Protein backbone atom coordinates (compact mmCIF):
# COMPACT_ATOMS: atom_id res chain seq x y z
CA UNK A 1 -18.86 -33.19 22.75
CA UNK A 2 -19.16 -36.23 19.99
CA UNK A 3 -18.86 -34.89 16.20
CA UNK A 4 -21.09 -37.93 15.21
CA UNK A 5 -24.17 -37.43 13.70
CA UNK A 6 -23.59 -33.78 12.07
CA UNK A 7 -21.96 -34.31 8.84
CA UNK A 8 -21.88 -33.57 4.73
CA UNK A 9 -20.60 -35.73 1.96
CA UNK A 10 -18.66 -33.97 -0.69
CA UNK A 11 -15.72 -33.75 -2.83
CA UNK A 12 -12.82 -31.65 -3.31
CA UNK A 13 -10.08 -31.77 -5.86
CA UNK A 14 -11.20 -35.02 -6.50
CA UNK A 15 -10.60 -36.04 -2.67
CA UNK A 16 -14.05 -37.44 -0.84
CA UNK A 17 -14.29 -36.00 2.31
CA UNK A 18 -17.25 -35.68 5.23
CA UNK A 19 -17.89 -32.56 7.02
CA UNK A 20 -17.71 -33.60 10.79
CA UNK A 21 -17.91 -29.83 12.42
CA UNK A 22 -19.32 -27.19 11.06
CA UNK A 23 -17.75 -23.50 11.23
CA UNK A 24 -20.62 -22.67 13.28
CA UNK A 25 -20.56 -24.98 15.55
CA UNK A 26 -16.61 -24.32 15.95
CA UNK A 27 -17.47 -20.70 16.42
CA UNK A 28 -19.57 -21.51 19.48
CA UNK A 29 -17.85 -23.38 21.12
CA UNK A 30 -14.63 -21.53 21.00
CA UNK A 31 -16.30 -18.37 22.27
CA UNK A 32 -17.62 -20.77 25.51
CA UNK A 33 -13.50 -22.08 25.77
CA UNK A 34 -12.63 -18.03 25.60
CA UNK A 35 -15.42 -17.48 28.24
CA UNK A 36 -14.54 -19.80 30.49
CA UNK A 37 -10.59 -19.03 30.39
CA UNK A 38 -11.69 -15.48 31.27
CA UNK A 39 -14.37 -16.21 34.25
CA UNK A 40 -11.48 -18.44 35.54
CA UNK A 41 -9.24 -15.46 35.55
CA UNK A 42 -11.26 -12.33 35.94
CA UNK A 43 -9.71 -10.15 39.28
CA UNK A 44 -6.77 -12.32 38.89
CA UNK A 45 -3.65 -10.16 38.95
CA UNK A 46 -1.50 -12.89 38.04
CA UNK A 47 -0.36 -12.58 34.19
CA UNK A 48 -1.59 -14.62 31.28
CA UNK A 49 0.51 -15.76 28.46
CA UNK A 50 -1.88 -17.81 25.49
CA UNK A 51 0.77 -19.89 23.81
CA UNK A 52 0.07 -21.22 20.10
CA UNK A 53 1.44 -24.29 18.85
CA UNK A 54 2.28 -23.80 15.05
CA UNK A 55 1.38 -24.53 12.54
CA UNK A 56 -2.17 -26.54 13.52
CA UNK A 57 -3.43 -23.99 15.91
CA UNK A 58 -3.38 -20.90 14.20
CA UNK A 59 -6.53 -20.30 13.25
CA UNK A 60 -8.26 -22.18 16.66
CA UNK A 61 -5.56 -19.91 18.41
CA UNK A 62 -6.54 -16.47 16.64
CA UNK A 63 -10.17 -17.17 17.08
CA UNK A 64 -9.89 -18.11 20.74
CA UNK A 65 -8.01 -14.86 21.79
CA UNK A 66 -10.49 -12.63 20.08
CA UNK A 67 -13.32 -14.17 22.72
CA UNK A 68 -10.53 -13.77 26.19
CA UNK A 69 -11.75 -10.50 27.84
CA UNK A 70 -8.91 -9.70 29.84
CA UNK A 71 -5.36 -8.38 29.05
CA UNK A 72 -3.12 -11.45 27.90
CA UNK A 73 0.27 -11.92 26.40
CA UNK A 74 0.29 -13.99 23.11
CA UNK A 75 3.16 -16.23 21.88
CA UNK A 76 3.88 -18.84 19.80
CA UNK A 77 5.77 -22.07 19.50
CA UNK A 78 6.97 -24.39 16.71
CA UNK A 79 7.29 -27.88 17.75
CA UNK A 80 8.25 -30.68 15.29
CA UNK A 81 7.37 -34.50 16.43
CA UNK A 82 9.63 -36.89 14.37
CA UNK A 83 7.75 -39.72 13.43
CA UNK A 84 9.77 -43.33 13.24
CA UNK A 85 8.20 -46.37 11.80
CA UNK A 86 4.43 -45.15 12.37
CA UNK A 87 5.27 -43.76 16.05
CA UNK A 88 5.67 -40.71 17.77
CA UNK A 89 9.37 -40.49 18.71
CA UNK A 90 11.29 -37.29 20.30
CA UNK A 91 10.35 -33.70 19.75
CA UNK A 92 12.44 -30.89 18.66
CA UNK A 93 11.45 -26.96 19.53
CA UNK A 94 12.13 -25.19 16.44
CA UNK A 95 10.31 -21.73 17.59
CA UNK A 96 10.86 -21.23 21.53
CA UNK A 97 8.82 -18.48 23.15
CA UNK A 98 9.86 -15.08 23.26
CA UNK A 99 7.76 -14.31 26.25
CA UNK A 100 8.69 -14.86 29.93
CA UNK A 101 6.19 -16.86 31.35
CA UNK A 102 8.03 -16.68 34.89
CA UNK A 103 4.90 -16.91 37.51
CA UNK A 104 2.37 -16.36 34.72
CA UNK A 105 -0.58 -18.68 33.99
CA UNK A 106 0.65 -20.35 30.30
CA UNK A 107 -2.16 -21.37 28.07
CA UNK A 108 -0.92 -23.84 25.43
CA UNK A 109 -3.12 -24.12 22.46
CA UNK A 110 -3.62 -26.47 19.29
CA UNK A 111 -5.44 -27.86 17.23
CA UNK A 112 -5.48 -31.44 18.26
CA UNK A 113 -4.81 -33.40 21.62
CA UNK A 114 -3.56 -36.35 19.85
CA UNK A 115 -1.30 -38.93 21.53
CA UNK A 116 -0.50 -36.29 23.90
CA UNK A 117 2.95 -36.84 23.53
CA UNK A 118 3.93 -33.70 22.04
CA UNK A 119 2.04 -31.75 24.58
CA UNK A 120 3.43 -33.55 27.46
CA UNK A 121 6.94 -32.42 26.49
CA UNK A 122 5.98 -29.08 25.84
CA UNK A 123 4.59 -29.24 29.28
CA UNK A 124 7.41 -30.41 30.70
CA UNK A 125 10.33 -27.85 29.01
CA UNK A 126 7.69 -25.12 30.31
CA UNK A 127 7.94 -26.05 34.01
CA UNK A 128 11.51 -25.68 34.10
CA UNK A 129 10.57 -21.68 33.59
CA UNK A 130 8.56 -21.58 36.48
CA UNK A 131 5.32 -20.39 35.28
CA UNK A 132 2.26 -19.91 37.73
CA UNK A 133 0.57 -22.82 36.01
CA UNK A 134 -0.05 -24.68 32.59
CA UNK A 135 -3.12 -25.12 30.97
CA UNK A 136 -3.93 -27.17 27.66
CA UNK A 137 -6.52 -25.98 25.25
CA UNK A 138 -7.61 -28.03 22.15
CA UNK A 139 -10.09 -27.50 19.75
CA UNK A 140 -10.43 -31.61 19.28
CA UNK A 141 -9.26 -34.36 21.55
CA UNK A 142 -8.69 -37.93 20.48
CA UNK A 143 -10.74 -40.67 22.67
CA UNK A 144 -7.50 -42.72 22.76
CA UNK A 145 -5.11 -40.37 23.82
CA UNK A 146 -2.13 -41.99 25.82
CA UNK A 147 -1.40 -39.25 28.15
CA UNK A 148 -3.90 -37.79 30.48
CA UNK A 149 -3.07 -34.57 31.64
CA UNK A 150 -5.18 -34.28 34.77
CA UNK A 151 -3.73 -37.56 36.12
CA UNK A 152 -2.39 -36.59 39.65
CA UNK A 153 -0.49 -39.78 39.87
CA UNK A 154 1.73 -38.43 36.41
CA UNK A 155 5.09 -37.06 36.68
CA UNK A 156 3.77 -33.74 34.68
CA UNK A 157 0.23 -32.33 35.37
CA UNK A 158 -1.62 -29.50 34.53
CA UNK A 159 -3.88 -27.36 35.81
CA UNK A 160 -6.65 -27.48 33.36
CA UNK A 161 -7.26 -29.21 29.99
CA UNK A 162 -10.10 -28.36 27.96
CA UNK A 163 -11.44 -29.00 24.66
CA UNK A 164 -14.53 -28.38 22.83
CA UNK A 165 -15.06 -31.75 20.59
CA UNK A 166 -14.02 -35.42 20.93
CA UNK A 167 -13.42 -37.68 18.03
CA UNK A 168 -12.67 -41.27 17.05
CA UNK A 169 -9.02 -42.26 15.31
CA UNK A 170 -9.94 -40.79 11.76
CA UNK A 171 -7.78 -38.23 9.76
CA UNK A 172 -9.41 -34.87 9.87
CA UNK A 173 -8.40 -31.31 7.93
CA UNK A 174 -9.18 -27.88 7.92
CA UNK A 175 -9.56 -24.90 10.44
CA UNK A 176 -5.65 -25.43 10.54
CA UNK A 177 -5.19 -29.28 10.21
CA UNK A 178 -3.74 -30.16 6.95
CA UNK A 179 -3.52 -33.43 4.73
CA UNK A 180 -0.17 -35.23 4.06
CA UNK A 181 0.49 -32.38 0.90
CA UNK A 182 0.33 -29.70 3.93
CA UNK A 183 -3.20 -28.60 2.03
CA UNK A 184 -6.85 -27.67 3.56
CA UNK A 185 -5.34 -25.61 6.63
CA UNK A 186 -7.61 -22.60 5.29
CA UNK A 187 -11.01 -24.84 5.32
CA UNK A 188 -13.52 -22.83 7.58
CA UNK A 189 -14.86 -26.79 8.89
CA UNK A 190 -12.98 -29.97 9.73
CA UNK A 191 -13.34 -32.87 7.86
CA UNK A 192 -12.91 -36.69 7.73
CA UNK A 193 -10.80 -37.93 5.24
């Protein structure tokens, strides 16, 4: 779903921001994603674990799990991605899962699917733990992501990849995503800077 066409321009703390996705649209799309997950696993006896990637996913994760009408386990991971010369490098897991995921359906939830490098590394890491499936759910997907998690030719693939909105290469904040000072995560809508 494209974000263009629905925006407001305003200044907050002397920063010009353009609202590109309002809180009502986020709420509707999050409920749709939650229903799709519910429908996929209704009647399935295999446990479901929903894993939020901190910090960015916290708002989307909270709203998503409230809409899933299944008995699920909730857990979190924190992954640090190192950037060298404006290129994403290695990742480090600074908070690992506390829940066993062997033979369980795992949903990795993040705010934005950017290059795909972090999600690919986390998926490879989790596959060692032998889950029944690994699935990706993000609120935002960049059009120019490098890794296609559904590509059968890829060494690492996932069972499903769901996202609510697709954007171009623009810096966005709000609804869990921060600016370069670590602010704006608490805004209920998504803004382009």
